[in-house]
């Protein structure tokens, strides 16, 4: 059974002194270290969030620049393609015109030659007809 005497008072004082010494020697440094750790962790989290935001901003800027570069490349490609198509169409049209002119020249040459040959044939037709008749009849016609 518990007796209420001076030893209880001494134990209570001893407990309070021990509580004060432990608070001063152990609890405060531990609490201070935990608080410092919490502050550093919060600061590091803030820095991490800041770096993540900067990374997201840089990624957005990069993607925007990339989109602009792709659009410029597409427009340059289309411009060069259109220019090449125009040049090819012009070359085809020029070659077609040249071929048509050559064909027309050959057609005129053939028509002229045909007329010459027909004129020659018409001129020699009478002579040939007399020769054939003379040979067929056996006498001069």
C-alpha atoms as a PDB file:
ATOM      1  CA  UNK A   1       0.000   0.000   0.000  1.00  0.00           C
ATOM      2  CA  UNK A   2       1.105   3.558  -0.677  1.00  0.00           C
ATOM      3  CA  UNK A   3       2.171   5.633   2.255  1.00  0.00           C
ATOM      4  CA  UNK A   4       1.936   9.383   2.139  1.00  0.00           C
ATOM      5  CA  UNK A   5       5.144  10.685   3.627  1.00  0.00           C
ATOM      6  CA  UNK A   6       8.227  12.707   2.717  1.00  0.00           C
ATOM      7  CA  UNK A   7       9.497  10.167   0.229  1.00  0.00           C
ATOM      8  CA  UNK A   8       6.449  10.858  -1.916  1.00  0.00           C
ATOM      9  CA  UNK A   9       7.318  14.536  -1.908  1.00  0.00           C
ATOM     10  CA  UNK A  10      10.975  13.746  -2.721  1.00  0.00           C
ATOM     11  CA  UNK A  11       9.933  11.441  -5.554  1.00  0.00           C
ATOM     12  CA  UNK A  12       7.592  14.137  -6.930  1.00  0.00           C
ATOM     13  CA  UNK A  13      10.412  16.714  -6.806  1.00  0.00           C
ATOM     14  CA  UNK A  14      12.791  14.157  -8.323  1.00  0.00           C
ATOM     15  CA  UNK A  15      10.254  13.508 -11.112  1.00  0.00           C
ATOM     16  CA  UNK A  16       9.864  17.233 -11.829  1.00  0.00           C
ATOM     17  CA  UNK A  17      13.637  17.791 -11.832  1.00  0.00           C
ATOM     18  CA  UNK A  18      14.082  14.782 -14.131  1.00  0.00           C
ATOM     19  CA  UNK A  19      11.293  16.122 -16.368  1.00  0.00           C
ATOM     20  CA  UNK A  20      13.025  19.534 -16.564  1.00  0.00           C
ATOM     21  CA  UNK A  21      16.452  18.026 -17.247  1.00  0.00           C
ATOM     22  CA  UNK A  22      15.059  15.657 -19.906  1.00  0.00           C
ATOM     23  CA  UNK A  23      13.159  18.534 -21.473  1.00  0.00           C
ATOM     24  CA  UNK A  24      16.304  20.653 -21.568  1.00  0.00           C
ATOM     25  CA  UNK A  25      18.711  17.866 -22.599  1.00  0.00           C
ATOM     26  CA  UNK A  26      16.597  15.564 -24.750  1.00  0.00           C
ATOM     27  CA  UNK A  27      13.157  16.814 -25.770  1.00  0.00           C
ATOM     28  CA  UNK A  28      14.060  20.332 -26.917  1.00  0.00           C
ATOM     29  CA  UNK A  29      16.967  19.213 -29.177  1.00  0.00           C
ATOM     30  CA  UNK A  30      14.824  16.443 -30.643  1.00  0.00           C
ATOM     31  CA  UNK A  31      11.923  18.837 -31.225  1.00  0.00           C
ATOM     32  CA  UNK A  32      14.327  21.415 -32.682  1.00  0.00           C
ATOM     33  CA  UNK A  33      15.816  18.765 -35.051  1.00  0.00           C
ATOM     34  CA  UNK A  34      12.321  17.649 -36.085  1.00  0.00           C
ATOM     35  CA  UNK A  35      11.293  21.278 -36.710  1.00  0.00           C
ATOM     36  CA  UNK A  36      14.463  21.906 -38.720  1.00  0.00           C
ATOM     37  CA  UNK A  37      13.807  18.736 -40.724  1.00  0.00           C
ATOM     38  CA  UNK A  38      10.214  19.822 -41.338  1.00  0.00           C
ATOM     39  CA  UNK A  39      11.392  23.260 -42.543  1.00  0.00           C
ATOM     40  CA  UNK A  40      14.008  21.734 -44.851  1.00  0.00           C
ATOM     41  CA  UNK A  41      11.477  19.238 -46.216  1.00  0.00           C
ATOM     42  CA  UNK A  42       8.938  22.002 -46.794  1.00  0.00           C
ATOM     43  CA  UNK A  43      11.632  24.120 -48.477  1.00  0.00           C
ATOM     44  CA  UNK A  44      12.707  21.197 -50.630  1.00  0.00           C
ATOM     45  CA  UNK A  45       9.095  20.515 -51.574  1.00  0.00           C
ATOM     46  CA  UNK A  46       8.689  24.144 -52.513  1.00  0.00           C
ATOM     47  CA  UNK A  47      11.822  23.967 -54.632  1.00  0.00           C
ATOM     48  CA  UNK A  48      10.643  20.738 -56.245  1.00  0.00           C
ATOM     49  CA  UNK A  49       7.288  22.325 -57.080  1.00  0.00           C
ATOM     50  CA  UNK A  50       9.066  25.390 -58.435  1.00  0.00           C
ATOM     51  CA  UNK A  51      11.368  23.253 -60.577  1.00  0.00           C
ATOM     52  CA  UNK A  52       8.408  21.190 -61.783  1.00  0.00           C
ATOM     53  CA  UNK A  53       6.550  24.382 -62.736  1.00  0.00           C
ATOM     54  CA  UNK A  54       9.615  25.677 -64.574  1.00  0.00           C
ATOM     55  CA  UNK A  55       9.969  22.318 -66.315  1.00  0.00           C
ATOM     56  CA  UNK A  56       6.318  22.397 -67.339  1.00  0.00           C
ATOM     57  CA  UNK A  57       6.720  25.975 -68.616  1.00  0.00           C
ATOM     58  CA  UNK A  58       9.854  25.018 -70.549  1.00  0.00           C
ATOM     59  CA  UNK A  59       8.109  21.953 -71.992  1.00  0.00           C
ATOM     60  CA  UNK A  60       5.124  24.080 -73.038  1.00  0.00           C
ATOM     61  CA  UNK A  61       7.459  26.642 -74.632  1.00  0.00           C
ATOM     62  CA  UNK A  62       9.377  23.843 -76.380  1.00  0.00           C
ATOM     63  CA  UNK A  63       6.181  22.294 -77.695  1.00  0.00           C
ATOM     64  CA  UNK A  64       4.935  25.690 -78.870  1.00  0.00           C
ATOM     65  CA  UNK A  65       8.253  26.353 -80.638  1.00  0.00           C
ATOM     66  CA  UNK A  66       8.154  22.866 -82.115  1.00  0.00           C
ATOM     67  CA  UNK A  67       4.610  23.450 -83.393  1.00  0.00           C
ATOM     68  CA  UNK A  68       5.690  26.749 -84.972  1.00  0.00           C
ATOM     69  CA  UNK A  69       8.729  25.078 -86.552  1.00  0.00           C
ATOM     70  CA  UNK A  70       6.580  22.254 -87.905  1.00  0.00           C
ATOM     71  CA  UNK A  71       4.086  24.742 -89.343  1.00  0.00           C
ATOM     72  CA  UNK A  72       6.922  26.683 -90.990  1.00  0.00           C
ATOM     73  CA  UNK A  73       8.412  23.476 -92.365  1.00  0.00           C
ATOM     74  CA  UNK A  74       5.015  22.424 -93.714  1.00  0.00           C
ATOM     75  CA  UNK A  75       4.491  25.795 -95.385  1.00  0.00           C
ATOM     76  CA  UNK A  76       8.023  25.760 -96.866  1.00  0.00           C
ATOM     77  CA  UNK A  77       7.507  22.201 -98.074  1.00  0.00           C
ATOM     78  CA  UNK A  78       4.171  23.157 -99.647  1.00  0.00           C
ATOM     79  CA  UNK A  79       5.705  26.256-101.254  1.00  0.00           C
ATOM     80  CA  UNK A  80       8.598  24.264-102.713  1.00  0.00           C
ATOM     81  CA  UNK A  81       6.222  21.518-103.806  1.00  0.00           C
ATOM     82  CA  UNK A  82       3.926  24.037-105.500  1.00  0.00           C
ATOM     83  CA  UNK A  83       6.939  25.645-107.172  1.00  0.00           C
ATOM     84  CA  UNK A  84       8.181  22.256-108.387  1.00  0.00           C
ATOM     85  CA  UNK A  85       4.717  21.326-109.676  1.00  0.00           C
ATOM     86  CA  UNK A  86       4.481  24.663-111.496  1.00  0.00           C
ATOM     87  CA  UNK A  87       7.925  24.169-113.004  1.00  0.00           C
ATOM     88  CA  UNK A  88       7.037  20.626-114.082  1.00  0.00           C
ATOM     89  CA  UNK A  89       3.756  21.800-115.610  1.00  0.00           C
ATOM     90  CA  UNK A  90       5.605  24.578-117.442  1.00  0.00           C
ATOM     91  CA  UNK A  91       8.196  22.104-118.720  1.00  0.00           C
ATOM     92  CA  UNK A  92       5.459  19.719-119.865  1.00  0.00           C
ATOM     93  CA  UNK A  93       3.584  22.558-121.575  1.00  0.00           C
ATOM     94  CA  UNK A  94       6.788  23.714-123.283  1.00  0.00           C
ATOM     95  CA  UNK A  95       7.621  20.183-124.422  1.00  0.00           C
ATOM     96  CA  UNK A  96       4.049  19.714-125.659  1.00  0.00           C
ATOM     97  CA  UNK A  97       4.182  22.990-127.597  1.00  0.00           C
ATOM     98  CA  UNK A  98       7.535  22.005-129.081  1.00  0.00           C
ATOM     99  CA  UNK A  99       6.209  18.572-130.059  1.00  0.00           C
ATOM    100  CA  UNK A 100       3.087  20.101-131.612  1.00  0.00           C
ATOM    101  CA  UNK A 101       5.209  22.600-133.574  1.00  0.00           C
ATOM    102  CA  UNK A 102       7.456  19.766-134.765  1.00  0.00           C
ATOM    103  CA  UNK A 103       4.425  17.694-135.735  1.00  0.00           C
ATOM    104  CA  UNK A 104       2.928  20.654-137.629  1.00  0.00           C
ATOM    105  CA  UNK A 105       6.235  21.230-139.425  1.00  0.00           C
ATOM    106  CA  UNK A 106       6.428  17.553-140.423  1.00  0.00           C
ATOM    107  CA  UNK A 107       2.781  17.587-141.540  1.00  0.00           C
ATOM    108  CA  UNK A 108       3.465  20.631-143.746  1.00  0.00           C
ATOM    109  CA  UNK A 109       6.588  18.973-145.136  1.00  0.00           C
ATOM    110  CA  UNK A 110       4.617  15.813-145.949  1.00  0.00           C
ATOM    111  CA  UNK A 111       1.810  17.822-147.573  1.00  0.00           C
ATOM    112  CA  UNK A 112       4.309  19.800-149.648  1.00  0.00           C
ATOM    113  CA  UNK A 113       6.141  16.629-150.694  1.00  0.00           C
ATOM    114  CA  UNK A 114       2.853  14.963-151.577  1.00  0.00           C
ATOM    115  CA  UNK A 115       1.899  17.894-153.793  1.00  0.00           C
ATOM    116  CA  UNK A 116       5.302  17.762-155.489  1.00  0.00           C
ATOM    117  CA  UNK A 117       4.945  14.031-156.097  1.00  0.00           C
ATOM    118  CA  UNK A 118       1.380  14.434-157.384  1.00  0.00           C
ATOM    119  CA  UNK A 119       2.535  17.222-159.721  1.00  0.00           C
ATOM    120  CA  UNK A 120       5.412  15.028-160.934  1.00  0.00           C
ATOM    121  CA  UNK A 121       3.069  12.116-161.427  1.00  0.00           C
ATOM    122  CA  UNK A 122       0.558  14.303-163.267  1.00  0.00           C
ATOM    123  CA  UNK A 123       3.325  15.606-165.530  1.00  0.00           C
ATOM    124  CA  UNK A 124       4.596  12.138-166.354  1.00  0.00           C
ATOM    125  CA  UNK A 125       1.126  10.593-166.544  1.00  0.00           C
ATOM    126  CA  UNK A 126       0.582  11.479-170.184  1.00  0.00           C
ATOM    127  CA  UNK A 127       4.021  10.217-171.199  1.00  0.00           C
ATOM    128  CA  UNK A 128       3.539   6.955-169.259  1.00  0.00           C
ATOM    129  CA  UNK A 129       0.059   6.470-170.738  1.00  0.00           C
ATOM    130  CA  UNK A 130       1.462   6.793-174.319  1.00  0.00           C
ATOM    131  CA  UNK A 131       4.303   4.399-173.555  1.00  0.00           C
ATOM    132  CA  UNK A 132       1.897   1.840-172.057  1.00  0.00           C
ATOM    133  CA  UNK A 133      -0.492   2.244-174.974  1.00  0.00           C
ATOM    134  CA  UNK A 134       2.337   1.922-177.504  1.00  0.00           C
ATOM    135  CA  UNK A 135       3.585  -1.243-175.854  1.00  0.00           C
ATOM    136  CA  UNK A 136       0.088  -2.685-175.588  1.00  0.00           C
ATOM    137  CA  UNK A 137      -0.807  -1.857-179.160  1.00  0.00           C
ATOM    138  CA  UNK A 138       2.615  -2.509-180.497  1.00  0.00           C
ATOM    139  CA  UNK A 139       2.668   0.758-182.401  1.00  0.00           C
ATOM    140  CA  UNK A 140       3.287   4.439-181.628  1.00  0.00           C
ATOM    141  CA  UNK A 141       0.381   6.391-180.367  1.00  0.00           C
END
